[in-house]
Amino acid sequence: MAITTAHKLLTDSWTEHVEIVETAVRRFRADHAPDNECQVVLFEMAHDPQLHVNVTHKHLTKGVPGWAGPGNLPAGFVHNRTFSEAQPAGRIVRHVRDMVFAEAV
């Protein structure tokens, strides 16, 4: 199934991290695609220095430590989490990967 990404950045402070994460997510498909369509959205919010990440699956998944949710949206079930600038991009990739490949309920 498809794993897609999108980003909505307000500044340049997260650009490098987001590029690394999006490149890694594209490679996830080559590893083994989940049988649960998934969208990863990376974004900033005004007056908040953290990177916000939403992972939305078409079907409900089990929770993953550190992720809030699930929220129920028309597109599926969303989990979210934030990251501080102190976290290296590789660590963010690992956390996103864990949520993308979360086990279906």
Protein backbone atom coordinates (compact mmCIF):
# COMPACT_ATOMS: atom_id res chain seq x y z
CA MET A 1 0.00 0.00 0.00
CA ALA A 2 1.01 3.62 -0.36
CA ILE A 3 3.04 5.61 2.13
CA THR A 4 2.93 9.30 1.28
CA THR A 5 4.49 12.39 2.81
CA ALA A 6 3.71 16.08 2.91
CA HIS A 7 5.15 19.04 4.78
CA LYS A 8 3.98 22.48 5.76
CA LEU A 9 6.88 24.48 7.14
CA LEU A 10 6.64 28.09 8.25
CA THR A 11 10.41 28.65 8.59
CA ASP A 12 13.66 27.14 7.32
CA SER A 13 14.69 25.80 10.74
CA TRP A 14 13.36 22.28 10.08
CA THR A 15 14.00 22.05 6.33
CA GLU A 16 17.06 19.80 6.55
CA HIS A 17 15.44 17.42 9.05
CA VAL A 18 12.25 17.22 6.98
CA GLU A 19 14.19 16.45 3.79
CA ILE A 20 15.99 13.60 5.58
CA VAL A 21 12.76 12.20 7.01
CA GLU A 22 10.90 12.39 3.70
CA THR A 23 13.77 10.67 1.87
CA ALA A 24 13.79 7.90 4.49
CA VAL A 25 10.01 7.45 4.26
CA ARG A 26 10.31 6.99 0.48
CA ARG A 27 12.76 4.17 1.20
CA PHE A 28 10.32 2.54 3.65
CA ARG A 29 8.26 1.46 0.64
CA ALA A 30 11.24 -0.46 -0.70
CA ASP A 31 11.67 -2.30 2.62
CA HIS A 32 8.13 -3.60 2.96
CA ALA A 33 5.00 -1.59 2.55
CA PRO A 34 2.42 -1.91 5.30
CA ASP A 35 -0.94 -3.31 4.34
CA ASN A 36 -2.48 -0.16 5.84
CA GLU A 37 -2.26 3.00 3.69
CA CYS A 38 -0.40 5.74 5.51
CA GLN A 39 0.30 9.47 5.22
CA VAL A 40 3.08 11.27 7.11
CA VAL A 41 2.72 15.04 7.49
CA LEU A 42 5.52 17.15 9.00
CA PHE A 43 4.65 20.69 9.98
CA GLU A 44 5.36 23.72 12.14
CA MET A 45 2.91 25.79 14.12
CA ALA A 46 3.24 29.53 14.70
CA HIS A 47 5.10 30.44 17.90
CA ASP A 48 6.10 26.80 18.51
CA PRO A 49 9.72 25.80 17.82
CA GLN A 50 8.97 22.07 17.63
CA LEU A 51 8.46 19.91 14.57
CA HIS A 52 5.01 18.31 14.59
CA VAL A 53 4.41 14.99 12.85
CA ASN A 54 1.08 13.35 12.07
CA VAL A 55 0.91 9.77 10.86
CA THR A 56 -2.51 8.85 9.50
CA HIS A 57 -3.42 5.25 8.70
CA LYS A 58 -6.51 4.19 6.78
CA HIS A 59 -7.21 1.51 9.41
CA LEU A 60 -6.75 1.68 13.19
CA THR A 61 -3.32 0.68 14.55
CA LYS A 62 -1.98 -0.08 17.97
CA GLY A 63 -0.35 2.81 19.79
CA VAL A 64 3.39 3.37 19.78
CA PRO A 65 5.18 4.84 22.82
CA GLY A 66 5.66 8.60 22.53
CA TRP A 67 2.80 9.10 20.05
CA ALA A 68 -0.55 10.63 21.01
CA GLY A 69 -3.76 9.32 19.54
CA PRO A 70 -5.46 7.87 17.76
CA GLY A 71 -7.72 10.63 16.55
CA ASN A 72 -10.50 9.68 14.17
CA LEU A 73 -10.49 11.70 10.92
CA PRO A 74 -12.36 11.26 7.62
CA ALA A 75 -9.06 10.02 6.11
CA GLY A 76 -8.46 7.47 8.87
CA PHE A 77 -6.79 7.35 12.26
CA VAL A 78 -4.09 9.87 13.16
CA HIS A 79 -1.32 9.68 15.74
CA ASN A 80 0.90 12.68 16.39
CA ARG A 81 4.03 13.68 18.19
CA THR A 82 6.47 16.58 18.42
CA PHE A 83 10.24 16.74 18.17
CA SER A 84 12.67 19.32 19.50
CA GLU A 85 15.61 20.72 17.57
CA ALA A 86 17.97 18.78 19.83
CA GLN A 87 16.86 15.48 18.30
CA PRO A 88 18.93 14.30 15.35
CA ALA A 89 17.07 13.56 12.12
CA GLY A 90 17.98 9.87 12.34
CA ARG A 91 16.16 9.55 15.65
CA ILE A 92 13.09 11.25 14.17
CA VAL A 93 13.20 8.79 11.25
CA ARG A 94 13.23 5.83 13.66
CA HIS A 95 10.21 7.17 15.57
CA VAL A 96 8.30 7.84 12.35
CA ARG A 97 9.17 4.37 11.04
CA ASP A 98 7.83 2.78 14.25
CA MET A 99 4.51 4.59 13.79
CA VAL A 100 4.27 3.98 10.02
CA PHE A 101 4.71 0.24 10.59
CA ALA A 102 2.53 0.07 13.73
CA GLU A 103 0.58 -3.13 13.99
CA ALA A 104 -3.04 -2.99 12.83
CA VAL A 105 -5.73 -3.61 15.43
